Amino acid sequence: ITKVELEDLFLEYGTIDNIYLKHISWGESFARITYSNNDAID
């Protein structure tokens, strides 16, 4: 998932909690997210 895609999810769902609930299978990926200036998030 790219940073742009993640930002789009925030715009669509509003909060990280809502994204988590709607995309629970992504839990492992979100657990590894760091709010840095990385261009992409694996």
Protein backbone atom coordinates (compact mmCIF):
# COMPACT_ATOMS: atom_id res chain seq x y z
CA ILE A 1 0.00 0.00 0.00
CA THR A 2 1.41 3.36 -0.96
CA LYS A 3 1.31 6.49 1.15
CA VAL A 4 -1.13 8.04 -1.31
CA GLU A 5 -3.42 5.03 -1.05
CA LEU A 6 -3.26 5.22 2.73
CA GLU A 7 -4.13 8.91 2.64
CA ASP A 8 -7.09 8.06 0.38
CA LEU A 9 -8.28 5.56 2.98
CA PHE A 10 -8.07 8.22 5.69
CA LEU A 11 -10.15 10.52 3.52
CA GLU A 12 -12.70 7.79 2.85
CA TYR A 13 -12.98 6.32 6.34
CA GLY A 14 -11.96 9.25 8.50
CA THR A 15 -9.84 7.58 11.16
CA ILE A 16 -7.35 4.78 11.60
CA ASP A 17 -9.89 3.00 13.83
CA ASN A 18 -12.46 2.97 11.03
CA ILE A 19 -9.91 1.70 8.53
CA TYR A 20 -8.92 -1.01 11.00
CA LEU A 21 -12.52 -2.14 11.42
CA LYS A 22 -13.23 -2.15 7.70
CA HIS A 23 -9.94 -3.78 6.72
CA ILE A 24 -9.18 -6.03 9.66
CA SER A 25 -7.07 -8.32 7.45
CA TRP A 26 -4.66 -5.41 7.07
CA GLY A 27 -3.97 -5.42 10.81
CA GLU A 28 -0.46 -6.79 10.41
CA SER A 29 0.41 -4.15 7.82
CA PHE A 30 -0.98 -1.33 9.96
CA ALA A 31 0.97 -2.63 12.93
CA ARG A 32 4.15 -2.02 10.90
CA ILE A 33 3.22 1.47 9.72
CA THR A 34 5.50 4.22 10.85
CA TYR A 35 4.46 7.80 10.30
CA SER A 36 7.65 8.80 8.59
CA ASN A 37 8.40 10.37 5.23
CA ASN A 38 8.75 7.02 3.51
CA ASP A 39 7.35 7.09 0.00
CA ALA A 40 5.75 3.67 0.29
CA ILE A 41 4.61 1.28 2.98
CA ASP A 42 5.03 -2.42 2.34
